[in-house]
Amino acid sequence: MDHSKTFVLVVGQKTKDLRAGSCTYCPNYNWNRYECGNGWSTSYKSYIEYECDKAIRDGLKIVVIYNYSSVIRSKCPDSVRYEGKHIEAYHWDGYTKKWNYNEIRDAIMY
C-alpha cells in the first residue's frame, strides 16, 4: 500500500466487527500473560482497522463503497467513518438492482 494513491474500502454487513489479524488470533499470543510470545508489542486491531489507519496517516484519497443501496456509516470502521467519499454500490429501480458504476468510477479515478 506504500505506492497507492487511493484507498478503497468495500463495507459489508460485518466489516466493522471483523477481528482477523488481531494479536489474539496469532498462535504466539500468550493468553495467560496477555502478551506476544515472541516479545513483540501486541495490538488488538484487525487488518481492516490497521489499513484504514494507515490510509489516513499516509494522506491517501479514501473511497468507501457500501454494499447496500444507501450509505450506512454505522457499518464503517470508526477511523474512516467521516473521511473521504462514501457511496452506495447500487440503487433499486423498481425491482431491478442497478449498479452505481459511474459514481464508483468517478470517486476512484478523480
PDB file of N, CA and C in Angstrom:
ATOM      1  N   MET A   1       0.811  -1.184   0.000  1.00  0.00           N
ATOM      2  CA  MET A   1       0.000   0.000   0.000  1.00  0.00           C
ATOM      3  C   MET A   1       0.866   1.263   0.000  1.00  0.00           C
ATOM      4  N   ASP A   2       2.148   1.127   0.150  1.00  0.00           N
ATOM      5  CA  ASP A   2       3.020   2.295   0.209  1.00  0.00           C
ATOM      6  C   ASP A   2       3.060   3.077  -1.101  1.00  0.00           C
ATOM      7  N   HIS A   3       2.672   2.476  -2.214  1.00  0.00           N
ATOM      8  CA  HIS A   3       2.714   3.159  -3.504  1.00  0.00           C
ATOM      9  C   HIS A   3       1.330   3.561  -3.987  1.00  0.00           C
ATOM     10  N   SER A   4       0.317   3.353  -3.175  1.00  0.00           N
ATOM     11  CA  SER A   4      -1.057   3.664  -3.560  1.00  0.00           C
ATOM     12  C   SER A   4      -1.359   5.141  -3.392  1.00  0.00           C
ATOM     13  N   LYS A   5      -2.310   5.620  -4.184  1.00  0.00           N
ATOM     14  CA  LYS A   5      -2.782   6.996  -4.070  1.00  0.00           C
ATOM     15  C   LYS A   5      -4.210   7.047  -3.573  1.00  0.00           C
ATOM     16  N   THR A   6      -4.929   5.931  -3.735  1.00  0.00           N
ATOM     17  CA  THR A   6      -6.329   5.855  -3.330  1.00  0.00           C
ATOM     18  C   THR A   6      -6.552   4.595  -2.513  1.00  0.00           C
ATOM     19  N   PHE A   7      -7.272   4.739  -1.420  1.00  0.00           N
ATOM     20  CA  PHE A   7      -7.642   3.612  -0.570  1.00  0.00           C
ATOM     21  C   PHE A   7      -9.134   3.370  -0.766  1.00  0.00           C
ATOM     22  N   VAL A   8      -9.492   2.166  -1.221  1.00  0.00           N
ATOM     23  CA  VAL A   8     -10.891   1.817  -1.446  1.00  0.00           C
ATOM     24  C   VAL A   8     -11.269   0.726  -0.452  1.00  0.00           C
ATOM     25  N   LEU A   9     -12.332   0.986   0.294  1.00  0.00           N
ATOM     26  CA  LEU A   9     -12.847   0.024   1.256  1.00  0.00           C
ATOM     27  C   LEU A   9     -14.279  -0.298   0.882  1.00  0.00           C
ATOM     28  N   VAL A  10     -14.578  -1.577   0.734  1.00  0.00           N
ATOM     29  CA  VAL A  10     -15.945  -2.021   0.476  1.00  0.00           C
ATOM     30  C   VAL A  10     -16.513  -2.493   1.808  1.00  0.00           C
ATOM     31  N   VAL A  11     -17.572  -1.840   2.246  1.00  0.00           N
ATOM     32  CA  VAL A  11     -18.177  -2.127   3.541  1.00  0.00           C
ATOM     33  C   VAL A  11     -19.383  -3.042   3.359  1.00  0.00           C
ATOM     34  N   GLY A  12     -19.374  -4.121   4.118  1.00  0.00           N
ATOM     35  CA  GLY A  12     -20.488  -5.056   4.117  1.00  0.00           C
ATOM     36  C   GLY A  12     -21.079  -5.180   5.505  1.00  0.00           C
ATOM     37  N   GLN A  13     -21.815  -6.220   5.733  1.00  0.00           N
ATOM     38  CA  GLN A  13     -22.553  -6.397   6.974  1.00  0.00           C
ATOM     39  C   GLN A  13     -21.654  -6.460   8.210  1.00  0.00           C
ATOM     40  N   LYS A  14     -20.492  -7.125   8.118  1.00  0.00           N
ATOM     41  CA  LYS A  14     -19.658  -7.346   9.305  1.00  0.00           C
ATOM     42  C   LYS A  14     -18.288  -6.680   9.225  1.00  0.00           C
ATOM     43  N   THR A  15     -18.097  -5.762   8.307  1.00  0.00           N
ATOM     44  CA  THR A  15     -16.783  -5.145   8.115  1.00  0.00           C
ATOM     45  C   THR A  15     -16.249  -4.526   9.398  1.00  0.00           C
ATOM     46  N   LYS A  16     -17.082  -3.786  10.099  1.00  0.00           N
ATOM     47  CA  LYS A  16     -16.638  -3.100  11.312  1.00  0.00           C
ATOM     48  C   LYS A  16     -16.305  -4.076  12.437  1.00  0.00           C
ATOM     49  N   ASP A  17     -16.955  -5.217  12.463  1.00  0.00           N
ATOM     50  CA  ASP A  17     -16.804  -6.152  13.578  1.00  0.00           C
ATOM     51  C   ASP A  17     -15.787  -7.258  13.358  1.00  0.00           C
ATOM     52  N   LEU A  18     -15.200  -7.352  12.155  1.00  0.00           N
ATOM     53  CA  LEU A  18     -14.212  -8.403  11.893  1.00  0.00           C
ATOM     54  C   LEU A  18     -12.989  -8.209  12.764  1.00  0.00           C
ATOM     55  N   ARG A  19     -12.447  -9.274  13.287  1.00  0.00           N
ATOM     56  CA  ARG A  19     -11.284  -9.200  14.167  1.00  0.00           C
ATOM     57  C   ARG A  19     -10.066  -9.906  13.592  1.00  0.00           C
ATOM     58  N   ALA A  20     -10.143 -10.483  12.412  1.00  0.00           N
ATOM     59  CA  ALA A  20      -8.996 -11.195  11.839  1.00  0.00           C
ATOM     60  C   ALA A  20      -7.786 -10.274  11.806  1.00  0.00           C
ATOM     61  N   GLY A  21      -6.655 -10.811  12.179  1.00  0.00           N
ATOM     62  CA  GLY A  21      -5.422 -10.043  12.173  1.00  0.00           C
ATOM     63  C   GLY A  21      -5.035  -9.521  13.545  1.00  0.00           C
ATOM     64  N   SER A  22      -5.935  -9.577  14.492  1.00  0.00           N
ATOM     65  CA  SER A  22      -5.637  -9.142  15.848  1.00  0.00           C
ATOM     66  C   SER A  22      -4.631 -10.103  16.476  1.00  0.00           C
ATOM     67  N   CYS A  23      -3.802  -9.606  17.363  1.00  0.00           N
ATOM     68  CA  CYS A  23      -2.797 -10.450  18.012  1.00  0.00           C
ATOM     69  C   CYS A  23      -3.412 -11.668  18.693  1.00  0.00           C
ATOM     70  N   THR A  24      -4.623 -11.534  19.180  1.00  0.00           N
ATOM     71  CA  THR A  24      -5.240 -12.651  19.901  1.00  0.00           C
ATOM     72  C   THR A  24      -5.490 -13.856  19.013  1.00  0.00           C
ATOM     73  N   TYR A  25      -5.406 -13.689  17.694  1.00  0.00           N
ATOM     74  CA  TYR A  25      -5.586 -14.816  16.770  1.00  0.00           C
ATOM     75  C   TYR A  25      -4.258 -15.464  16.371  1.00  0.00           C
ATOM     76  N   CYS A  26      -3.168 -14.908  16.818  1.00  0.00           N
ATOM     77  CA  CYS A  26      -1.848 -15.430  16.474  1.00  0.00           C
ATOM     78  C   CYS A  26      -1.496 -16.594  17.406  1.00  0.00           C
ATOM     79  N   PRO A  27      -0.867 -17.659  16.880  1.00  0.00           N
ATOM     80  CA  PRO A  27      -0.503 -18.789  17.738  1.00  0.00           C
ATOM     81  C   PRO A  27       0.576 -18.432  18.768  1.00  0.00           C
ATOM     82  N   ASN A  28       1.284 -17.311  18.570  1.00  0.00           N
ATOM     83  CA  ASN A  28       2.317 -16.900  19.520  1.00  0.00           C
ATOM     84  C   ASN A  28       1.784 -16.028  20.646  1.00  0.00           C
ATOM     85  N   TYR A  29       0.494 -15.717  20.615  1.00  0.00           N
ATOM     86  CA  TYR A  29      -0.088 -14.882  21.670  1.00  0.00           C
ATOM     87  C   TYR A  29      -0.254 -15.707  22.935  1.00  0.00           C
ATOM     88  N   ASN A  30       0.250 -15.195  24.067  1.00  0.00           N
ATOM     89  CA  ASN A  30       0.188 -15.879  25.356  1.00  0.00           C
ATOM     90  C   ASN A  30      -1.031 -15.358  26.124  1.00  0.00           C
ATOM     91  N   TRP A  31      -2.071 -16.186  26.198  1.00  0.00           N
ATOM     92  CA  TRP A  31      -3.312 -15.789  26.863  1.00  0.00           C
ATOM     93  C   TRP A  31      -3.141 -15.648  28.372  1.00  0.00           C
ATOM     94  N   ASN A  32      -2.214 -16.336  28.969  1.00  0.00           N
ATOM     95  CA  ASN A  32      -2.012 -16.232  30.422  1.00  0.00           C
ATOM     96  C   ASN A  32      -1.401 -14.897  30.819  1.00  0.00           C
ATOM     97  N   ARG A  33      -0.538 -14.382  29.955  1.00  0.00           N
ATOM     98  CA  ARG A  33       0.169 -13.138  30.284  1.00  0.00           C
ATOM     99  C   ARG A  33      -0.284 -11.962  29.418  1.00  0.00           C
ATOM    100  N   TYR A  34      -1.182 -12.216  28.441  1.00  0.00           N
ATOM    101  CA  TYR A  34      -1.692 -11.180  27.530  1.00  0.00           C
ATOM    102  C   TYR A  34      -0.561 -10.444  26.817  1.00  0.00           C
ATOM    103  N   GLU A  35       0.363 -11.237  26.273  1.00  0.00           N
ATOM    104  CA  GLU A  35       1.488 -10.654  25.549  1.00  0.00           C
ATOM    105  C   GLU A  35       1.939 -11.584  24.438  1.00  0.00           C
ATOM    106  N   CYS A  36       2.791 -11.059  23.567  1.00  0.00           N
ATOM    107  CA  CYS A  36       3.315 -11.834  22.453  1.00  0.00           C
ATOM    108  C   CYS A  36       4.417 -12.775  22.955  1.00  0.00           C
ATOM    109  N   GLY A  37       4.338 -14.019  22.542  1.00  0.00           N
ATOM    110  CA  GLY A  37       5.349 -14.996  22.916  1.00  0.00           C
ATOM    111  C   GLY A  37       6.697 -14.731  22.269  1.00  0.00           C
ATOM    112  N   ASN A  38       6.718 -13.908  21.217  1.00  0.00           N
ATOM    113  CA  ASN A  38       7.976 -13.572  20.545  1.00  0.00           C
ATOM    114  C   ASN A  38       8.572 -12.261  21.045  1.00  0.00           C
ATOM    115  N   GLY A  39       7.901 -11.617  21.998  1.00  0.00           N
ATOM    116  CA  GLY A  39       8.430 -10.368  22.542  1.00  0.00           C
ATOM    117  C   GLY A  39       8.000  -9.117  21.787  1.00  0.00           C
ATOM    118  N   TRP A  40       7.154  -9.248  20.779  1.00  0.00           N
ATOM    119  CA  TRP A  40       6.682  -8.086  20.024  1.00  0.00           C
ATOM    120  C   TRP A  40       5.594  -7.363  20.805  1.00  0.00           C
ATOM    121  N   SER A  41       5.331  -6.117  20.429  1.00  0.00           N
ATOM    122  CA  SER A  41       4.211  -5.409  21.045  1.00  0.00           C
ATOM    123  C   SER A  41       2.917  -6.027  20.531  1.00  0.00           C
ATOM    124  N   THR A  42       1.853  -5.926  21.308  1.00  0.00           N
ATOM    125  CA  THR A  42       0.581  -6.517  20.917  1.00  0.00           C
ATOM    126  C   THR A  42      -0.396  -5.440  20.452  1.00  0.00           C
ATOM    127  N   SER A  43      -1.276  -5.846  19.568  1.00  0.00           N
ATOM    128  CA  SER A  43      -2.303  -4.957  19.048  1.00  0.00           C
ATOM    129  C   SER A  43      -3.597  -5.740  18.909  1.00  0.00           C
ATOM    130  N   TYR A  44      -4.681  -5.096  19.198  1.00  0.00           N
ATOM    131  CA  TYR A  44      -5.979  -5.750  19.084  1.00  0.00           C
ATOM    132  C   TYR A  44      -6.766  -5.223  17.889  1.00  0.00           C
ATOM    133  N   LYS A  45      -6.073  -4.499  17.013  1.00  0.00           N
ATOM    134  CA  LYS A  45      -6.690  -4.007  15.786  1.00  0.00           C
ATOM    135  C   LYS A  45      -6.776  -5.132  14.764  1.00  0.00           C
ATOM    136  N   SER A  46      -7.820  -5.085  13.961  1.00  0.00           N
ATOM    137  CA  SER A  46      -7.933  -6.035  12.859  1.00  0.00           C
ATOM    138  C   SER A  46      -7.114  -5.508  11.688  1.00  0.00           C
ATOM    139  N   TYR A  47      -6.925  -6.347  10.668  1.00  0.00           N
ATOM    140  CA  TYR A  47      -6.240  -5.898   9.457  1.00  0.00           C
ATOM    141  C   TYR A  47      -6.965  -4.706   8.843  1.00  0.00           C
ATOM    142  N   ILE A  48      -8.279  -4.741   8.854  1.00  0.00           N
ATOM    143  CA  ILE A  48      -9.061  -3.658   8.251  1.00  0.00           C
ATOM    144  C   ILE A  48      -8.803  -2.351   8.988  1.00  0.00           C
ATOM    145  N   GLU A  49      -8.851  -2.374  10.318  1.00  0.00           N
ATOM    146  CA  GLU A  49      -8.596  -1.157  11.093  1.00  0.00           C
ATOM    147  C   GLU A  49      -7.175  -0.645  10.856  1.00  0.00           C
ATOM    148  N   TYR A  50      -6.219  -1.552  10.807  1.00  0.00           N
ATOM    149  CA  TYR A  50      -4.829  -1.165  10.562  1.00  0.00           C
ATOM    150  C   TYR A  50      -4.684  -0.466   9.207  1.00  0.00           C
ATOM    151  N   GLU A  51      -5.277  -1.044   8.161  1.00  0.00           N
ATOM    152  CA  GLU A  51      -5.171  -0.458   6.819  1.00  0.00           C
ATOM    153  C   GLU A  51      -5.901   0.876   6.729  1.00  0.00           C
ATOM    154  N   CYS A  52      -7.036   1.008   7.388  1.00  0.00           N
ATOM    155  CA  CYS A  52      -7.760   2.288   7.408  1.00  0.00           C
ATOM    156  C   CYS A  52      -6.907   3.365   8.084  1.00  0.00           C
ATOM    157  N   ASP A  53      -6.320   3.039   9.232  1.00  0.00           N
ATOM    158  CA  ASP A  53      -5.458   3.988   9.936  1.00  0.00           C
ATOM    159  C   ASP A  53      -4.254   4.372   9.087  1.00  0.00           C
ATOM    160  N   LYS A  54      -3.675   3.406   8.400  1.00  0.00           N
ATOM    161  CA  LYS A  54      -2.509   3.671   7.543  1.00  0.00           C
ATOM    162  C   LYS A  54      -2.888   4.586   6.381  1.00  0.00           C
ATOM    163  N   ALA A  55      -4.056   4.386   5.806  1.00  0.00           N
ATOM    164  CA  ALA A  55      -4.508   5.232   4.693  1.00  0.00           C
ATOM    165  C   ALA A  55      -4.636   6.686   5.147  1.00  0.00           C
ATOM    166  N   ILE A  56      -5.180   6.891   6.326  1.00  0.00           N
ATOM    167  CA  ILE A  56      -5.305   8.256   6.857  1.00  0.00           C
ATOM    168  C   ILE A  56      -3.937   8.831   7.149  1.00  0.00           C
ATOM    169  N   ARG A  57      -3.093   8.049   7.800  1.00  0.00           N
ATOM    170  CA  ARG A  57      -1.743   8.504   8.150  1.00  0.00           C
ATOM    171  C   ARG A  57      -0.932   8.866   6.903  1.00  0.00           C
ATOM    172  N   ASP A  58      -1.121   8.111   5.810  1.00  0.00           N
ATOM    173  CA  ASP A  58      -0.375   8.365   4.575  1.00  0.00           C
ATOM    174  C   ASP A  58      -1.015   9.435   3.697  1.00  0.00           C
ATOM    175  N   GLY A  59      -2.166   9.946   4.104  1.00  0.00           N
ATOM    176  CA  GLY A  59      -2.824  11.002   3.350  1.00  0.00           C
ATOM    177  C   GLY A  59      -3.421  10.552   2.027  1.00  0.00           C
ATOM    178  N   LEU A  60      -3.854   9.293   1.954  1.00  0.00           N
ATOM    179  CA  LEU A  60      -4.432   8.781   0.717  1.00  0.00           C
ATOM    180  C   LEU A  60      -5.855   9.288   0.523  1.00  0.00           C
ATOM    181  N   LYS A  61      -6.274   9.356  -0.736  1.00  0.00           N
ATOM    182  CA  LYS A  61      -7.673   9.630  -1.036  1.00  0.00           C
ATOM    183  C   LYS A  61      -8.455   8.391  -0.608  1.00  0.00           C
ATOM    184  N   ILE A  62      -9.551   8.584   0.112  1.00  0.00           N
ATOM    185  CA  ILE A  62     -10.323   7.467   0.660  1.00  0.00           C
ATOM    186  C   ILE A  62     -11.681   7.400  -0.014  1.00  0.00           C
ATOM    187  N   VAL A  63     -12.013   6.200  -0.524  1.00  0.00           N
ATOM    188  CA  VAL A  63     -13.319   5.933  -1.119  1.00  0.00           C
ATOM    189  C   VAL A  63     -13.912   4.739  -0.392  1.00  0.00           C
ATOM    190  N   VAL A  64     -15.093   4.933   0.189  1.00  0.00           N
ATOM    191  CA  VAL A  64     -15.778   3.865   0.910  1.00  0.00           C
ATOM    192  C   VAL A  64     -17.038   3.521   0.131  1.00  0.00           C
ATOM    193  N   ILE A  65     -17.130   2.265  -0.296  1.00  0.00           N
ATOM    194  CA  ILE A  65     -18.278   1.797  -1.070  1.00  0.00           C
ATOM    195  C   ILE A  65     -19.077   0.844  -0.190  1.00  0.00           C
ATOM    196  N   TYR A  66     -20.345   1.170   0.006  1.00  0.00           N
ATOM    197  CA  TYR A  66     -21.220   0.351   0.838  1.00  0.00           C
ATOM    198  C   TYR A  66     -21.938  -0.666  -0.032  1.00  0.00           C
ATOM    199  N   ASN A  67     -21.888  -1.918   0.328  1.00  0.00           N
ATOM    200  CA  ASN A  67     -22.560  -2.972  -0.426  1.00  0.00           C
ATOM    201  C   ASN A  67     -24.047  -2.968  -0.070  1.00  0.00           C
ATOM    202  N   TYR A  68     -24.631  -1.799  -0.204  1.00  0.00           N
ATOM    203  CA  TYR A  68     -26.034  -1.546   0.110  1.00  0.00           C
ATOM    204  C   TYR A  68     -26.560  -0.531  -0.891  1.00  0.00           C
ATOM    205  N   SER A  69     -27.845  -0.241  -0.796  1.00  0.00           N
ATOM    206  CA  SER A  69     -28.434   0.772  -1.666  1.00  0.00           C
ATOM    207  C   SER A  69     -28.431   2.146  -0.998  1.00  0.00           C
ATOM    208  N   SER A  70     -27.773   2.245   0.156  1.00  0.00           N
ATOM    209  CA  SER A  70     -27.623   3.532   0.837  1.00  0.00           C
ATOM    210  C   SER A  70     -26.331   3.506   1.652  1.00  0.00           C
ATOM    211  N   VAL A  71     -25.901   4.676   2.066  1.00  0.00           N
ATOM    212  CA  VAL A  71     -24.707   4.799   2.897  1.00  0.00           C
ATOM    213  C   VAL A  71     -25.122   4.602   4.355  1.00  0.00           C
ATOM    214  N   ILE A  72     -24.530   3.601   5.001  1.00  0.00           N
ATOM    215  CA  ILE A  72     -24.836   3.299   6.408  1.00  0.00           C
ATOM    216  C   ILE A  72     -23.523   3.422   7.181  1.00  0.00           C
ATOM    217  N   ARG A  73     -23.218   4.626   7.625  1.00  0.00           N
ATOM    218  CA  ARG A  73     -21.918   4.896   8.255  1.00  0.00           C
ATOM    219  C   ARG A  73     -21.670   4.087   9.519  1.00  0.00           C
ATOM    220  N   SER A  74     -22.711   3.632  10.181  1.00  0.00           N
ATOM    221  CA  SER A  74     -22.523   2.842  11.406  1.00  0.00           C
ATOM    222  C   SER A  74     -21.847   1.497  11.118  1.00  0.00           C
ATOM    223  N   LYS A  75     -21.837   1.051   9.873  1.00  0.00           N
ATOM    224  CA  LYS A  75     -21.182  -0.208   9.497  1.00  0.00           C
ATOM    225  C   LYS A  75     -19.718   0.006   9.095  1.00  0.00           C
ATOM    226  N   CYS A  76     -19.296   1.253   9.026  1.00  0.00           N
ATOM    227  CA  CYS A  76     -17.945   1.619   8.592  1.00  0.00           C
ATOM    228  C   CYS A  76     -17.006   1.668   9.803  1.00  0.00           C
ATOM    229  N   PRO A  77     -15.745   1.254   9.650  1.00  0.00           N
ATOM    230  CA  PRO A  77     -14.784   1.386  10.747  1.00  0.00           C
ATOM    231  C   PRO A  77     -14.671   2.840  11.201  1.00  0.00           C
ATOM    232  N   ASP A  78     -14.516   3.036  12.491  1.00  0.00           N
ATOM    233  CA  ASP A  78     -14.526   4.372  13.076  1.00  0.00           C
ATOM    234  C   ASP A  78     -13.511   5.327  12.464  1.00  0.00           C
ATOM    235  N   SER A  79     -12.323   4.848  12.145  1.00  0.00           N
ATOM    236  CA  SER A  79     -11.262   5.741  11.682  1.00  0.00           C
ATOM    237  C   SER A  79     -11.551   6.393  10.334  1.00  0.00           C
ATOM    238  N   VAL A  80     -12.370   5.769   9.494  1.00  0.00           N
ATOM    239  CA  VAL A  80     -12.689   6.368   8.185  1.00  0.00           C
ATOM    240  C   VAL A  80     -14.174   6.729   8.048  1.00  0.00           C
ATOM    241  N   ARG A  81     -14.909   6.664   9.138  1.00  0.00           N
ATOM    242  CA  ARG A  81     -16.357   6.893   9.084  1.00  0.00           C
ATOM    243  C   ARG A  81     -16.718   8.250   8.485  1.00  0.00           C
ATOM    244  N   TYR A  82     -15.932   9.264   8.778  1.00  0.00           N
ATOM    245  CA  TYR A  82     -16.229  10.605   8.262  1.00  0.00           C
ATOM    246  C   TYR A  82     -15.100  11.146   7.383  1.00  0.00           C
ATOM    247  N   GLU A  83     -14.320  10.248   6.824  1.00  0.00           N
ATOM    248  CA  GLU A  83     -13.212  10.617   5.938  1.00  0.00           C
ATOM    249  C   GLU A  83     -13.547  10.227   4.506  1.00  0.00           C
ATOM    250  N   GLY A  84     -13.106  11.014   3.559  1.00  0.00           N
ATOM    251  CA  GLY A  84     -13.219  10.655   2.151  1.00  0.00           C
ATOM    252  C   GLY A  84     -14.632  10.662   1.608  1.00  0.00           C
ATOM    253  N   LYS A  85     -14.796   9.948   0.484  1.00  0.00           N
ATOM    254  CA  LYS A  85     -16.074   9.872  -0.238  1.00  0.00           C
ATOM    255  C   LYS A  85     -16.754   8.562   0.091  1.00  0.00           C
ATOM    256  N   HIS A  86     -18.031   8.624   0.483  1.00  0.00           N
ATOM    257  CA  HIS A  86     -18.820   7.445   0.825  1.00  0.00           C
ATOM    258  C   HIS A  86     -19.962   7.331  -0.183  1.00  0.00           C
ATOM    259  N   ILE A  87     -20.060   6.170  -0.831  1.00  0.00           N
ATOM    260  CA  ILE A  87     -21.110   5.979  -1.840  1.00  0.00           C
ATOM    261  C   ILE A  87     -21.715   4.586  -1.720  1.00  0.00           C
ATOM    262  N   GLU A  88     -22.945   4.467  -2.175  1.00  0.00           N
ATOM    263  CA  GLU A  88     -23.614   3.170  -2.191  1.00  0.00           C
ATOM    264  C   GLU A  88     -23.227   2.418  -3.455  1.00  0.00           C
ATOM    265  N   ALA A  89     -23.247   1.091  -3.385  1.00  0.00           N
ATOM    266  CA  ALA A  89     -22.826   0.254  -4.512  1.00  0.00           C
ATOM    267  C   ALA A  89     -23.898   0.145  -5.585  1.00  0.00           C
ATOM    268  N   TYR A  90     -25.157   0.306  -5.218  1.00  0.00           N
ATOM    269  CA  TYR A  90     -26.244   0.121  -6.181  1.00  0.00           C
ATOM    270  C   TYR A  90     -27.483   0.900  -5.752  1.00  0.00           C
ATOM    271  N   HIS A  91     -28.410   1.019  -6.675  1.00  0.00           N
ATOM    272  CA  HIS A  91     -29.725   1.619  -6.444  1.00  0.00           C
ATOM    273  C   HIS A  91     -30.773   0.614  -6.889  1.00  0.00           C
ATOM    274  N   TRP A  92     -31.960   0.739  -6.358  1.00  0.00           N
ATOM    275  CA  TRP A  92     -33.077  -0.094  -6.815  1.00  0.00           C
ATOM    276  C   TRP A  92     -33.917   0.715  -7.782  1.00  0.00           C
ATOM    277  N   ASP A  93     -34.150   0.168  -8.957  1.00  0.00           N
ATOM    278  CA  ASP A  93     -35.011   0.774  -9.974  1.00  0.00           C
ATOM    279  C   ASP A  93     -36.243  -0.116 -10.093  1.00  0.00           C
ATOM    280  N   GLY A  94     -37.225   0.139  -9.230  1.00  0.00           N
ATOM    281  CA  GLY A  94     -38.365  -0.768  -9.171  1.00  0.00           C
ATOM    282  C   GLY A  94     -37.931  -2.066  -8.521  1.00  0.00           C
ATOM    283  N   TYR A  95     -37.904  -3.157  -9.289  1.00  0.00           N
ATOM    284  CA  TYR A  95     -37.480  -4.459  -8.779  1.00  0.00           C
ATOM    285  C   TYR A  95     -36.094  -4.855  -9.267  1.00  0.00           C
ATOM    286  N   THR A  96     -35.418  -3.947  -9.947  1.00  0.00           N
ATOM    287  CA  THR A  96     -34.124  -4.246 -10.552  1.00  0.00           C
ATOM    288  C   THR A  96     -33.002  -3.516  -9.810  1.00  0.00           C
ATOM    289  N   LYS A  97     -31.932  -4.256  -9.514  1.00  0.00           N
ATOM    290  CA  LYS A  97     -30.758  -3.654  -8.887  1.00  0.00           C
ATOM    291  C   LYS A  97     -29.905  -3.024  -9.980  1.00  0.00           C
ATOM    292  N   LYS A  98     -29.620  -1.737  -9.868  1.00  0.00           N
ATOM    293  CA  LYS A  98     -28.775  -1.018 -10.831  1.00  0.00           C
ATOM    294  C   LYS A  98     -27.464  -0.648 -10.134  1.00  0.00           C
ATOM    295  N   TRP A  99     -26.375  -1.202 -10.626  1.00  0.00           N
ATOM    296  CA  TRP A  99     -25.067  -0.923 -10.035  1.00  0.00           C
ATOM    297  C   TRP A  99     -24.670   0.512 -10.293  1.00  0.00           C
ATOM    298  N   ASN A 100     -24.009   1.096  -9.347  1.00  0.00           N
ATOM    299  CA  ASN A 100     -23.630   2.501  -9.347  1.00  0.00           C
ATOM    300  C   ASN A 100     -22.251   2.691  -9.997  1.00  0.00           C
ATOM    301  N   TYR A 101     -22.071   2.145 -11.203  1.00  0.00           N
ATOM    302  CA  TYR A 101     -20.753   2.125 -11.852  1.00  0.00           C
ATOM    303  C   TYR A 101     -20.150   3.515 -12.024  1.00  0.00           C
ATOM    304  N   ASN A 102     -20.912   4.441 -12.542  1.00  0.00           N
ATOM    305  CA  ASN A 102     -20.366   5.764 -12.866  1.00  0.00           C
ATOM    306  C   ASN A 102     -19.884   6.514 -11.635  1.00  0.00           C
ATOM    307  N   GLU A 103     -20.660   6.510 -10.573  1.00  0.00           N
ATOM    308  CA  GLU A 103     -20.247   7.222  -9.362  1.00  0.00           C
ATOM    309  C   GLU A 103     -19.045   6.552  -8.702  1.00  0.00           C
ATOM    310  N   ILE A 104     -19.007   5.222  -8.732  1.00  0.00           N
ATOM    311  CA  ILE A 104     -17.855   4.500  -8.179  1.00  0.00           C
ATOM    312  C   ILE A 104     -16.598   4.812  -8.989  1.00  0.00           C
ATOM    313  N   ARG A 105     -16.713   4.741 -10.302  1.00  0.00           N
ATOM    314  CA  ARG A 105     -15.576   5.048 -11.176  1.00  0.00           C
ATOM    315  C   ARG A 105     -15.077   6.475 -10.935  1.00  0.00           C
ATOM    316  N   ASP A 106     -16.001   7.428 -10.909  1.00  0.00           N
ATOM    317  CA  ASP A 106     -15.614   8.821 -10.711  1.00  0.00           C
ATOM    318  C   ASP A 106     -14.948   9.049  -9.353  1.00  0.00           C
ATOM    319  N   ALA A 107     -15.458   8.390  -8.316  1.00  0.00           N
ATOM    320  CA  ALA A 107     -14.871   8.549  -6.992  1.00  0.00           C
ATOM    321  C   ALA A 107     -13.449   8.014  -6.929  1.00  0.00           C
ATOM    322  N   ILE A 108     -13.186   6.923  -7.621  1.00  0.00           N
ATOM    323  CA  ILE A 108     -11.855   6.321  -7.596  1.00  0.00           C
ATOM    324  C   ILE A 108     -10.892   7.049  -8.522  1.00  0.00           C
ATOM    325  N   MET A 109     -11.347   7.403  -9.706  1.00  0.00           N
ATOM    326  CA  MET A 109     -10.443   7.956 -10.720  1.00  0.00           C
ATOM    327  C   MET A 109     -10.162   9.449 -10.568  1.00  0.00           C
ATOM    328  N   TYR A 110     -11.059  10.181  -9.966  1.00  0.00           N
ATOM    329  CA  TYR A 110     -10.884  11.657  -9.939  1.00  0.00           C
ATOM    330  C   TYR A 110     -10.757  12.204  -8.557  1.00  0.00           C
TER     331      TYR A 110
END
